[in-house]
Protein backbone atom coordinates (compact mmCIF):
# COMPACT_ATOMS: atom_id res chain seq x y z
CA MET A 1 12.54 -13.37 -11.32
CA ARG A 2 9.60 -14.85 -11.60
CA SER A 3 7.82 -12.28 -13.46
CA ASP A 4 4.16 -12.09 -10.86
CA VAL A 5 6.59 -11.00 -8.78
CA ARG A 6 8.52 -8.59 -11.05
CA ASP A 7 5.33 -7.50 -11.92
CA LYS A 8 4.64 -6.39 -8.39
CA LEU A 9 8.09 -4.73 -7.55
CA ARG A 10 7.43 -2.72 -10.92
CA ALA A 11 4.41 -1.11 -9.62
CA TRP A 12 5.86 -0.17 -6.43
CA LEU A 13 9.55 0.69 -7.17
CA GLY A 14 9.49 1.78 -11.18
CA ASP A 15 10.51 0.26 -14.20
CA ASP A 16 14.47 0.13 -13.09
CA LEU A 17 14.89 -3.24 -11.17
CA THR A 18 18.59 -3.81 -12.00
CA PHE A 19 19.67 -3.47 -8.10
CA VAL A 20 17.02 -6.47 -7.58
CA GLU A 21 18.03 -8.47 -10.19
CA ALA A 22 21.36 -9.75 -8.12
CA LEU A 23 18.89 -11.31 -5.44
CA PRO A 24 18.41 -15.15 -5.37
CA ASP A 25 14.40 -16.02 -5.97
CA ASP A 26 13.83 -16.71 -1.97
CA GLU A 27 15.98 -12.80 -1.11
CA LEU A 28 13.33 -11.62 -3.86
CA ALA A 29 10.41 -13.67 -2.29
CA ARG A 30 11.15 -12.14 1.02
CA LEU A 31 11.54 -8.53 -0.24
CA CYS A 32 8.18 -8.83 -2.09
CA ALA A 33 6.27 -10.38 1.27
CA ALA A 34 7.66 -7.62 3.24
CA LEU A 35 6.66 -4.39 0.68
CA GLU A 36 3.04 -6.34 0.83
CA ALA A 37 3.38 -6.10 4.65
CA ALA A 38 4.42 -2.49 4.72
CA ARG A 39 1.68 -1.67 1.93
CA ARG A 40 -1.11 -3.41 3.93
CA GLY A 41 -0.14 -1.81 7.37
CA GLN A 42 0.04 1.68 5.25
CA ALA A 43 -3.28 0.82 4.28
CA LYS A 44 -4.60 0.12 7.47
CA ALA A 45 -3.11 3.10 9.15
CA LEU A 46 -4.89 5.65 6.83
CA ALA A 47 -8.14 4.06 7.27
CA THR A 48 -7.36 4.68 10.98
CA ALA A 49 -6.66 8.36 10.27
CA SER A 50 -9.35 9.31 8.15
CA ASP A 51 -11.68 7.78 10.66
CA GLU A 52 -10.31 9.73 13.34
CA ALA A 53 -10.13 12.89 10.58
CA VAL A 54 -14.12 12.28 10.09
CA ARG A 55 -15.02 11.88 13.76
CA GLN A 56 -13.72 15.69 14.07
CA MET A 57 -15.83 17.10 11.78
CA PRO A 58 -18.96 18.93 12.51
CA ALA A 59 -21.82 16.07 12.30
CA PRO A 60 -23.68 17.70 9.15
CA LEU A 61 -20.70 17.25 7.37
CA ARG A 62 -19.70 13.47 8.10
CA GLY A 63 -22.21 12.03 5.66
CA THR A 64 -21.06 13.89 2.77
CA ILE A 65 -17.11 13.51 3.69
CA GLY A 66 -18.00 9.71 4.06
CA LYS A 67 -19.68 9.50 0.87
CA ILE A 68 -16.69 11.49 -0.86
CA LEU A 69 -14.29 8.82 1.02
CA GLY A 70 -16.27 5.80 -0.48
CA ARG A 71 -18.22 4.84 3.31
């Protein structure tokens, strides 16, 4: 298993990677790509949800909350 893929998987799945050690390199790359796509989708969904939540807040609070969220 390539070390860059192993490092990404370890960050997402924990230190015990024995369950993916048997995967061939192409399957391992597909797993990593699927996890990356899922993480991007999750980040997009969280950003959309937080934008909607801020819109529901009273106007005087939006600026402060936006600063807290890093916007």
